[in-house]
């Protein structure tokens, strides 16, 4: 991997992690376009950790409040919301990575995200009035199940969790905020697991890959910060459907490549 490829992949990760278009799906796609043959999960997790830094930068006040007062309602909801993804991730991690690296399933996953965003945009603002103080553990569990649905590359974590929040009647700002706070545990936990795998098998990262990995991390952090700010503004205006149009077009292009051109996806 070259430094320029790492920069581009890091920027794509930072933008796509928080805009509802699936960062993992775009990383799979871009790695195919660049012809990069790496242990993809290693680089993916590192740039995800860069995105995590962006969450800390934007929501540092909320995070500090949780640290100062850990035994509170929000802490319990974040834990409950994390459980479904942990269960599904441990049970099906290898199968998910193998299956959804294939062009056909990646296209289907992008299309599913597009449908979720259309569903989210169709929910009247009048129906979405619940604030953080009105949230229940059931709300958190449903949103957590939506996060588990987003484990395959191509299904957006932010898109799925925000949609889940809106379906439970949360207002748009609360749904987005809870989605981003939930990402701290999801991304941080995945990063710790990957770090342990690297510790046990350090040969999966060659010395030549270290600098591009670091640069990709920084690019993801910077682009992620601006992506969060952008989505927090867009979510107020009910404009998620435009992302769905982009995803439908992207899914169609991947299918054309898979079944006709075979430039990037031969299976």
C-alpha atoms as a PDB file:
ATOM      1  CA  UNK A   1       0.000   0.000   0.000  1.00  0.00           C
ATOM      2  CA  UNK A   2       1.347   3.431  -0.950  1.00  0.00           C
ATOM      3  CA  UNK A   3       1.039   6.537   1.172  1.00  0.00           C
ATOM      4  CA  UNK A   4      -1.392   8.123  -1.308  1.00  0.00           C
ATOM      5  CA  UNK A   5      -3.585   5.050  -1.244  1.00  0.00           C
ATOM      6  CA  UNK A   6      -3.570   5.151   2.556  1.00  0.00           C
ATOM      7  CA  UNK A   7      -4.590   8.820   2.520  1.00  0.00           C
ATOM      8  CA  UNK A   8      -7.469   8.179   0.124  1.00  0.00           C
ATOM      9  CA  UNK A   9      -8.650   5.123   2.053  1.00  0.00           C
ATOM     10  CA  UNK A  10      -8.410   7.036   5.333  1.00  0.00           C
ATOM     11  CA  UNK A  11     -10.469   9.927   3.962  1.00  0.00           C
ATOM     12  CA  UNK A  12     -13.044   7.525   2.550  1.00  0.00           C
ATOM     13  CA  UNK A  13     -13.243   5.749   5.917  1.00  0.00           C
ATOM     14  CA  UNK A  14     -13.678   8.963   7.885  1.00  0.00           C
ATOM     15  CA  UNK A  15     -16.398  10.282   5.606  1.00  0.00           C
ATOM     16  CA  UNK A  16     -18.261   7.016   5.115  1.00  0.00           C
ATOM     17  CA  UNK A  17     -18.145   5.983   8.792  1.00  0.00           C
ATOM     18  CA  UNK A  18     -20.421   8.830   9.827  1.00  0.00           C
ATOM     19  CA  UNK A  19     -22.277   9.676   6.653  1.00  0.00           C
ATOM     20  CA  UNK A  20     -24.747   6.774   6.260  1.00  0.00           C
ATOM     21  CA  UNK A  21     -23.056   5.040   3.318  1.00  0.00           C
ATOM     22  CA  UNK A  22     -20.988   2.275   5.019  1.00  0.00           C
ATOM     23  CA  UNK A  23     -17.296   2.821   5.590  1.00  0.00           C
ATOM     24  CA  UNK A  24     -16.441  -0.887   5.594  1.00  0.00           C
ATOM     25  CA  UNK A  25     -18.232  -1.376   2.282  1.00  0.00           C
ATOM     26  CA  UNK A  26     -16.392   1.529   0.702  1.00  0.00           C
ATOM     27  CA  UNK A  27     -13.067   0.242   2.005  1.00  0.00           C
ATOM     28  CA  UNK A  28     -13.729  -3.150   0.406  1.00  0.00           C
ATOM     29  CA  UNK A  29     -14.635  -1.386  -2.841  1.00  0.00           C
ATOM     30  CA  UNK A  30     -11.637   0.961  -2.837  1.00  0.00           C
ATOM     31  CA  UNK A  31      -9.213  -1.845  -2.013  1.00  0.00           C
ATOM     32  CA  UNK A  32     -10.533  -3.725  -5.047  1.00  0.00           C
ATOM     33  CA  UNK A  33     -10.153  -0.609  -7.216  1.00  0.00           C
ATOM     34  CA  UNK A  34      -6.566  -0.092  -6.027  1.00  0.00           C
ATOM     35  CA  UNK A  35      -5.765  -3.789  -6.240  1.00  0.00           C
ATOM     36  CA  UNK A  36      -4.563  -3.831  -2.637  1.00  0.00           C
ATOM     37  CA  UNK A  37      -3.990  -7.315  -1.286  1.00  0.00           C
ATOM     38  CA  UNK A  38      -3.650  -6.855   2.475  1.00  0.00           C
ATOM     39  CA  UNK A  39      -5.120  -8.391   5.600  1.00  0.00           C
ATOM     40  CA  UNK A  40      -7.978  -5.922   5.133  1.00  0.00           C
ATOM     41  CA  UNK A  41      -9.394  -6.201   8.625  1.00  0.00           C
ATOM     42  CA  UNK A  42      -6.113  -4.908  10.098  1.00  0.00           C
ATOM     43  CA  UNK A  43      -6.071  -1.700   8.069  1.00  0.00           C
ATOM     44  CA  UNK A  44      -9.849  -1.335   8.364  1.00  0.00           C
ATOM     45  CA  UNK A  45      -9.723  -1.430  12.146  1.00  0.00           C
ATOM     46  CA  UNK A  46      -6.861   1.075  12.334  1.00  0.00           C
ATOM     47  CA  UNK A  47      -8.704   3.639  10.211  1.00  0.00           C
ATOM     48  CA  UNK A  48     -11.856   2.918  12.220  1.00  0.00           C
ATOM     49  CA  UNK A  49      -9.862   3.889  15.313  1.00  0.00           C
ATOM     50  CA  UNK A  50      -8.979   7.119  13.515  1.00  0.00           C
ATOM     51  CA  UNK A  51     -12.709   7.722  13.131  1.00  0.00           C
ATOM     52  CA  UNK A  52     -13.100   7.029  16.841  1.00  0.00           C
ATOM     53  CA  UNK A  53     -10.795   9.960  17.572  1.00  0.00           C
ATOM     54  CA  UNK A  54     -13.207  12.157  15.594  1.00  0.00           C
ATOM     55  CA  UNK A  55     -16.084  11.045  17.853  1.00  0.00           C
ATOM     56  CA  UNK A  56     -14.031  11.981  20.915  1.00  0.00           C
ATOM     57  CA  UNK A  57     -13.278  15.396  19.410  1.00  0.00           C
ATOM     58  CA  UNK A  58     -16.948  16.197  18.721  1.00  0.00           C
ATOM     59  CA  UNK A  59     -18.591  14.578  21.748  1.00  0.00           C
ATOM     60  CA  UNK A  60     -15.904  15.124  24.371  1.00  0.00           C
ATOM     61  CA  UNK A  61     -18.354  16.825  26.743  1.00  0.00           C
ATOM     62  CA  UNK A  62     -20.746  13.849  26.637  1.00  0.00           C
ATOM     63  CA  UNK A  63     -17.877  11.411  27.081  1.00  0.00           C
ATOM     64  CA  UNK A  64     -16.458  13.397  29.991  1.00  0.00           C
ATOM     65  CA  UNK A  65     -19.891  13.382  31.642  1.00  0.00           C
ATOM     66  CA  UNK A  66     -20.041   9.584  31.325  1.00  0.00           C
ATOM     67  CA  UNK A  67     -16.556   9.246  32.812  1.00  0.00           C
ATOM     68  CA  UNK A  68     -17.399  11.519  35.740  1.00  0.00           C
ATOM     69  CA  UNK A  69     -20.682   9.724  36.412  1.00  0.00           C
ATOM     70  CA  UNK A  70     -20.386   6.193  34.981  1.00  0.00           C
ATOM     71  CA  UNK A  71     -23.385   4.738  36.838  1.00  0.00           C
ATOM     72  CA  UNK A  72     -26.181   6.463  34.955  1.00  0.00           C
ATOM     73  CA  UNK A  73     -28.990   5.681  32.558  1.00  0.00           C
ATOM     74  CA  UNK A  74     -26.988   6.459  29.403  1.00  0.00           C
ATOM     75  CA  UNK A  75     -24.225   4.061  30.433  1.00  0.00           C
ATOM     76  CA  UNK A  76     -26.752   1.242  30.827  1.00  0.00           C
ATOM     77  CA  UNK A  77     -28.334   2.016  27.454  1.00  0.00           C
ATOM     78  CA  UNK A  78     -24.965   2.026  25.700  1.00  0.00           C
ATOM     79  CA  UNK A  79     -24.096  -1.354  27.223  1.00  0.00           C
ATOM     80  CA  UNK A  80     -27.467  -2.853  26.239  1.00  0.00           C
ATOM     81  CA  UNK A  81     -27.149  -1.368  22.761  1.00  0.00           C
ATOM     82  CA  UNK A  82     -23.756  -3.003  22.297  1.00  0.00           C
ATOM     83  CA  UNK A  83     -24.746  -6.562  23.269  1.00  0.00           C
ATOM     84  CA  UNK A  84     -26.404  -7.654  19.962  1.00  0.00           C
ATOM     85  CA  UNK A  85     -23.390  -6.659  17.842  1.00  0.00           C
ATOM     86  CA  UNK A  86     -20.993  -8.420  20.232  1.00  0.00           C
ATOM     87  CA  UNK A  87     -23.010 -11.651  20.075  1.00  0.00           C
ATOM     88  CA  UNK A  88     -23.398 -11.621  16.294  1.00  0.00           C
ATOM     89  CA  UNK A  89     -19.821 -10.460  15.736  1.00  0.00           C
ATOM     90  CA  UNK A  90     -18.250 -13.254  17.755  1.00  0.00           C
ATOM     91  CA  UNK A  91     -20.544 -15.876  16.238  1.00  0.00           C
ATOM     92  CA  UNK A  92     -20.262 -14.918  12.569  1.00  0.00           C
ATOM     93  CA  UNK A  93     -17.181 -12.673  12.123  1.00  0.00           C
ATOM     94  CA  UNK A  94     -15.337 -14.881   9.635  1.00  0.00           C
ATOM     95  CA  UNK A  95     -18.440 -15.716   7.592  1.00  0.00           C
ATOM     96  CA  UNK A  96     -19.468 -12.055   7.364  1.00  0.00           C
ATOM     97  CA  UNK A  97     -16.047 -10.914   6.134  1.00  0.00           C
ATOM     98  CA  UNK A  98     -15.765 -13.684   3.532  1.00  0.00           C
ATOM     99  CA  UNK A  99     -19.279 -13.457   2.108  1.00  0.00           C
ATOM    100  CA  UNK A 100     -19.617  -9.697   1.881  1.00  0.00           C
ATOM    101  CA  UNK A 101     -16.242  -9.203   0.223  1.00  0.00           C
ATOM    102  CA  UNK A 102     -17.951 -10.683  -2.835  1.00  0.00           C
ATOM    103  CA  UNK A 103     -19.341  -8.205  -5.348  1.00  0.00           C
ATOM    104  CA  UNK A 104     -22.909  -9.515  -5.443  1.00  0.00           C
ATOM    105  CA  UNK A 105     -23.417  -9.493  -1.674  1.00  0.00           C
ATOM    106  CA  UNK A 106     -21.665  -6.130  -1.300  1.00  0.00           C
ATOM    107  CA  UNK A 107     -24.085  -4.613  -3.827  1.00  0.00           C
ATOM    108  CA  UNK A 108     -27.058  -6.111  -1.983  1.00  0.00           C
ATOM    109  CA  UNK A 109     -25.756  -4.685   1.307  1.00  0.00           C
ATOM    110  CA  UNK A 110     -25.438  -1.181  -0.198  1.00  0.00           C
ATOM    111  CA  UNK A 111     -29.002  -1.486  -1.514  1.00  0.00           C
ATOM    112  CA  UNK A 112     -30.239  -2.525   1.941  1.00  0.00           C
ATOM    113  CA  UNK A 113     -28.662   0.602   3.415  1.00  0.00           C
ATOM    114  CA  UNK A 114     -30.404   2.673   0.749  1.00  0.00           C
ATOM    115  CA  UNK A 115     -33.759   1.168   1.736  1.00  0.00           C
ATOM    116  CA  UNK A 116     -33.085   1.855   5.411  1.00  0.00           C
ATOM    117  CA  UNK A 117     -32.388   5.504   4.645  1.00  0.00           C
ATOM    118  CA  UNK A 118     -35.576   5.823   2.611  1.00  0.00           C
ATOM    119  CA  UNK A 119     -37.467   4.353   5.560  1.00  0.00           C
ATOM    120  CA  UNK A 120     -35.798   6.811   7.936  1.00  0.00           C
ATOM    121  CA  UNK A 121     -36.641   9.797   5.738  1.00  0.00           C
ATOM    122  CA  UNK A 122     -40.279   8.698   5.459  1.00  0.00           C
ATOM    123  CA  UNK A 123     -40.842   8.891   9.221  1.00  0.00           C
ATOM    124  CA  UNK A 124     -42.708  12.157   9.985  1.00  0.00           C
ATOM    125  CA  UNK A 125     -40.866  14.537  12.286  1.00  0.00           C
ATOM    126  CA  UNK A 126     -44.037  14.722  14.385  1.00  0.00           C
ATOM    127  CA  UNK A 127     -43.627  11.011  15.216  1.00  0.00           C
ATOM    128  CA  UNK A 128     -40.045  11.460  16.363  1.00  0.00           C
ATOM    129  CA  UNK A 129     -40.215  13.475  19.559  1.00  0.00           C
ATOM    130  CA  UNK A 130     -38.557  11.350  22.227  1.00  0.00           C
ATOM    131  CA  UNK A 131     -35.495  12.897  23.793  1.00  0.00           C
ATOM    132  CA  UNK A 132     -32.662  11.224  25.678  1.00  0.00           C
ATOM    133  CA  UNK A 133     -34.540  11.392  28.989  1.00  0.00           C
ATOM    134  CA  UNK A 134     -37.436   9.489  27.393  1.00  0.00           C
ATOM    135  CA  UNK A 135     -35.328   6.619  26.055  1.00  0.00           C
ATOM    136  CA  UNK A 136     -35.789   3.126  27.463  1.00  0.00           C
ATOM    137  CA  UNK A 137     -33.624   0.028  27.539  1.00  0.00           C
ATOM    138  CA  UNK A 138     -35.928  -1.465  24.893  1.00  0.00           C
ATOM    139  CA  UNK A 139     -35.100   1.474  22.630  1.00  0.00           C
ATOM    140  CA  UNK A 140     -31.402   0.835  23.196  1.00  0.00           C
ATOM    141  CA  UNK A 141     -31.786  -2.887  22.498  1.00  0.00           C
ATOM    142  CA  UNK A 142     -33.644  -2.284  19.214  1.00  0.00           C
ATOM    143  CA  UNK A 143     -30.997   0.208  18.100  1.00  0.00           C
ATOM    144  CA  UNK A 144     -28.357  -2.335  19.119  1.00  0.00           C
ATOM    145  CA  UNK A 145     -30.014  -4.975  16.939  1.00  0.00           C
ATOM    146  CA  UNK A 146     -29.860  -2.531  14.045  1.00  0.00           C
ATOM    147  CA  UNK A 147     -26.146  -2.080  14.752  1.00  0.00           C
ATOM    148  CA  UNK A 148     -25.703  -5.865  14.607  1.00  0.00           C
ATOM    149  CA  UNK A 149     -27.470  -5.821  11.230  1.00  0.00           C
ATOM    150  CA  UNK A 150     -24.779  -3.403  10.041  1.00  0.00           C
ATOM    151  CA  UNK A 151     -21.816  -5.714  10.704  1.00  0.00           C
ATOM    152  CA  UNK A 152     -21.537  -6.820   7.046  1.00  0.00           C
ATOM    153  CA  UNK A 153     -19.595  -4.407   4.787  1.00  0.00           C
ATOM    154  CA  UNK A 154     -22.037  -2.327   2.780  1.00  0.00           C
ATOM    155  CA  UNK A 155     -24.642  -1.860   5.517  1.00  0.00           C
ATOM    156  CA  UNK A 156     -24.055   1.469   7.219  1.00  0.00           C
ATOM    157  CA  UNK A 157     -23.743   1.365  10.995  1.00  0.00           C
ATOM    158  CA  UNK A 158     -24.770   5.001  11.416  1.00  0.00           C
ATOM    159  CA  UNK A 159     -27.586   4.622   8.883  1.00  0.00           C
ATOM    160  CA  UNK A 160     -28.946   1.493  10.560  1.00  0.00           C
ATOM    161  CA  UNK A 161     -28.734   2.793  14.129  1.00  0.00           C
ATOM    162  CA  UNK A 162     -30.200   6.207  13.303  1.00  0.00           C
ATOM    163  CA  UNK A 163     -33.037   4.490  11.437  1.00  0.00           C
ATOM    164  CA  UNK A 164     -33.603   2.247  14.456  1.00  0.00           C
ATOM    165  CA  UNK A 165     -33.754   5.275  16.720  1.00  0.00           C
ATOM    166  CA  UNK A 166     -36.239   7.060  14.481  1.00  0.00           C
ATOM    167  CA  UNK A 167     -38.428   3.949  14.291  1.00  0.00           C
ATOM    168  CA  UNK A 168     -38.508   3.969  18.098  1.00  0.00           C
ATOM    169  CA  UNK A 169     -39.720   7.561  18.075  1.00  0.00           C
ATOM    170  CA  UNK A 170     -36.478   9.337  18.978  1.00  0.00           C
ATOM    171  CA  UNK A 171     -36.042  12.793  17.559  1.00  0.00           C
ATOM    172  CA  UNK A 172     -33.360  13.085  14.923  1.00  0.00           C
ATOM    173  CA  UNK A 173     -30.764  14.805  17.086  1.00  0.00           C
ATOM    174  CA  UNK A 174     -31.110  12.224  19.866  1.00  0.00           C
ATOM    175  CA  UNK A 175     -30.987   9.311  17.418  1.00  0.00           C
ATOM    176  CA  UNK A 176     -27.792  10.660  15.813  1.00  0.00           C
ATOM    177  CA  UNK A 177     -26.143  11.423  19.153  1.00  0.00           C
ATOM    178  CA  UNK A 178     -26.882   7.959  20.560  1.00  0.00           C
ATOM    179  CA  UNK A 179     -25.605   6.390  17.326  1.00  0.00           C
ATOM    180  CA  UNK A 180     -22.287   8.214  17.613  1.00  0.00           C
ATOM    181  CA  UNK A 181     -21.872   7.426  21.316  1.00  0.00           C
ATOM    182  CA  UNK A 182     -22.662   3.775  20.579  1.00  0.00           C
ATOM    183  CA  UNK A 183     -19.898   3.774  17.967  1.00  0.00           C
ATOM    184  CA  UNK A 184     -17.319   4.428  20.693  1.00  0.00           C
ATOM    185  CA  UNK A 185     -17.835   0.987  22.202  1.00  0.00           C
ATOM    186  CA  UNK A 186     -18.271  -0.770  18.857  1.00  0.00           C
ATOM    187  CA  UNK A 187     -15.187   0.701  17.205  1.00  0.00           C
ATOM    188  CA  UNK A 188     -13.079   0.682  20.355  1.00  0.00           C
ATOM    189  CA  UNK A 189     -13.909  -2.955  21.118  1.00  0.00           C
ATOM    190  CA  UNK A 190     -13.150  -4.082  17.581  1.00  0.00           C
ATOM    191  CA  UNK A 191      -9.879  -2.164  17.713  1.00  0.00           C
ATOM    192  CA  UNK A 192      -8.812  -3.871  20.933  1.00  0.00           C
ATOM    193  CA  UNK A 193      -9.538  -7.301  19.461  1.00  0.00           C
ATOM    194  CA  UNK A 194      -7.547  -6.499  16.329  1.00  0.00           C
ATOM    195  CA  UNK A 195      -4.703  -5.109  18.415  1.00  0.00           C
ATOM    196  CA  UNK A 196      -4.550  -8.397  20.308  1.00  0.00           C
ATOM    197  CA  UNK A 197      -4.431 -10.342  17.028  1.00  0.00           C
ATOM    198  CA  UNK A 198      -1.584  -8.121  15.819  1.00  0.00           C
ATOM    199  CA  UNK A 199       0.230  -8.644  19.120  1.00  0.00           C
ATOM    200  CA  UNK A 200      -0.061 -12.410  18.746  1.00  0.00           C
ATOM    201  CA  UNK A 201       0.859 -12.378  15.038  1.00  0.00           C
ATOM    202  CA  UNK A 202       2.930  -9.217  14.386  1.00  0.00           C
ATOM    203  CA  UNK A 203       4.031 -10.570  11.011  1.00  0.00           C
ATOM    204  CA  UNK A 204       0.647  -9.574   9.506  1.00  0.00           C
ATOM    205  CA  UNK A 205       1.993  -6.009   9.348  1.00  0.00           C
ATOM    206  CA  UNK A 206       5.267  -5.580   7.533  1.00  0.00           C
ATOM    207  CA  UNK A 207       7.587  -2.689   8.322  1.00  0.00           C
ATOM    208  CA  UNK A 208       6.778  -1.130   4.961  1.00  0.00           C
ATOM    209  CA  UNK A 209       3.099  -0.941   5.891  1.00  0.00           C
ATOM    210  CA  UNK A 210       3.518   0.918   9.188  1.00  0.00           C
ATOM    211  CA  UNK A 211       3.799   4.459   7.769  1.00  0.00           C
ATOM    212  CA  UNK A 212       0.800   4.145   5.389  1.00  0.00           C
ATOM    213  CA  UNK A 213      -1.245   2.682   8.275  1.00  0.00           C
ATOM    214  CA  UNK A 214      -0.406   5.670  10.493  1.00  0.00           C
ATOM    215  CA  UNK A 215      -1.192   8.169   7.740  1.00  0.00           C
ATOM    216  CA  UNK A 216      -4.478   6.387   6.997  1.00  0.00           C
ATOM    217  CA  UNK A 217      -5.332   6.651  10.689  1.00  0.00           C
ATOM    218  CA  UNK A 218      -4.748  10.435  10.692  1.00  0.00           C
ATOM    219  CA  UNK A 219      -6.692  10.961   7.450  1.00  0.00           C
ATOM    220  CA  UNK A 220      -9.664   9.046   8.888  1.00  0.00           C
ATOM    221  CA  UNK A 221      -9.619  11.126  12.082  1.00  0.00           C
ATOM    222  CA  UNK A 222      -9.622  14.477  10.255  1.00  0.00           C
ATOM    223  CA  UNK A 223     -12.219  13.578   7.614  1.00  0.00           C
ATOM    224  CA  UNK A 224     -14.376  11.856  10.249  1.00  0.00           C
ATOM    225  CA  UNK A 225     -14.555  15.029  12.326  1.00  0.00           C
ATOM    226  CA  UNK A 226     -16.002  17.032   9.441  1.00  0.00           C
ATOM    227  CA  UNK A 227     -18.323  14.168   8.431  1.00  0.00           C
ATOM    228  CA  UNK A 228     -19.872  14.097  11.921  1.00  0.00           C
ATOM    229  CA  UNK A 229     -20.452  17.843  11.827  1.00  0.00           C
ATOM    230  CA  UNK A 230     -22.051  17.542   8.396  1.00  0.00           C
ATOM    231  CA  UNK A 231     -24.385  14.694   9.343  1.00  0.00           C
ATOM    232  CA  UNK A 232     -25.517  16.461  12.518  1.00  0.00           C
ATOM    233  CA  UNK A 233     -26.683  19.312  10.292  1.00  0.00           C
ATOM    234  CA  UNK A 234     -28.191  17.112   7.576  1.00  0.00           C
ATOM    235  CA  UNK A 235     -30.139  14.988  10.054  1.00  0.00           C
ATOM    236  CA  UNK A 236     -32.160  18.064  11.038  1.00  0.00           C
ATOM    237  CA  UNK A 237     -33.275  18.588   7.443  1.00  0.00           C
ATOM    238  CA  UNK A 238     -34.539  15.065   6.608  1.00  0.00           C
ATOM    239  CA  UNK A 239     -32.189  14.708   3.642  1.00  0.00           C
ATOM    240  CA  UNK A 240     -31.025  11.121   4.140  1.00  0.00           C
ATOM    241  CA  UNK A 241     -32.826   9.977   0.997  1.00  0.00           C
ATOM    242  CA  UNK A 242     -30.136  11.553  -1.195  1.00  0.00           C
ATOM    243  CA  UNK A 243     -27.600   9.147   0.257  1.00  0.00           C
ATOM    244  CA  UNK A 244     -29.938   6.285  -0.633  1.00  0.00           C
ATOM    245  CA  UNK A 245     -29.936   7.348  -4.304  1.00  0.00           C
ATOM    246  CA  UNK A 246     -26.135   7.300  -4.281  1.00  0.00           C
ATOM    247  CA  UNK A 247     -26.108   3.811  -2.744  1.00  0.00           C
ATOM    248  CA  UNK A 248     -28.587   2.422  -5.272  1.00  0.00           C
ATOM    249  CA  UNK A 249     -26.424   3.729  -8.131  1.00  0.00           C
ATOM    250  CA  UNK A 250     -23.283   2.311  -6.490  1.00  0.00           C
ATOM    251  CA  UNK A 251     -24.947  -1.084  -6.017  1.00  0.00           C
ATOM    252  CA  UNK A 252     -26.007  -1.126  -9.668  1.00  0.00           C
ATOM    253  CA  UNK A 253     -22.465  -0.304 -10.832  1.00  0.00           C
ATOM    254  CA  UNK A 254     -21.005  -3.097  -8.703  1.00  0.00           C
ATOM    255  CA  UNK A 255     -23.500  -5.585 -10.165  1.00  0.00           C
ATOM    256  CA  UNK A 256     -22.607  -4.481 -13.709  1.00  0.00           C
ATOM    257  CA  UNK A 257     -18.951  -5.017 -12.917  1.00  0.00           C
ATOM    258  CA  UNK A 258     -19.600  -8.361 -11.250  1.00  0.00           C
ATOM    259  CA  UNK A 259     -21.700  -9.873 -14.036  1.00  0.00           C
ATOM    260  CA  UNK A 260     -20.490  -8.018 -17.153  1.00  0.00           C
ATOM    261  CA  UNK A 261     -17.153  -6.206 -16.876  1.00  0.00           C
ATOM    262  CA  UNK A 262     -15.280  -8.191 -14.213  1.00  0.00           C
ATOM    263  CA  UNK A 263     -12.819  -5.340 -13.715  1.00  0.00           C
ATOM    264  CA  UNK A 264     -12.772  -5.439  -9.907  1.00  0.00           C
ATOM    265  CA  UNK A 265     -15.131  -8.229  -8.827  1.00  0.00           C
ATOM    266  CA  UNK A 266     -14.777 -11.643 -10.451  1.00  0.00           C
ATOM    267  CA  UNK A 267     -16.859 -13.379  -7.784  1.00  0.00           C
END
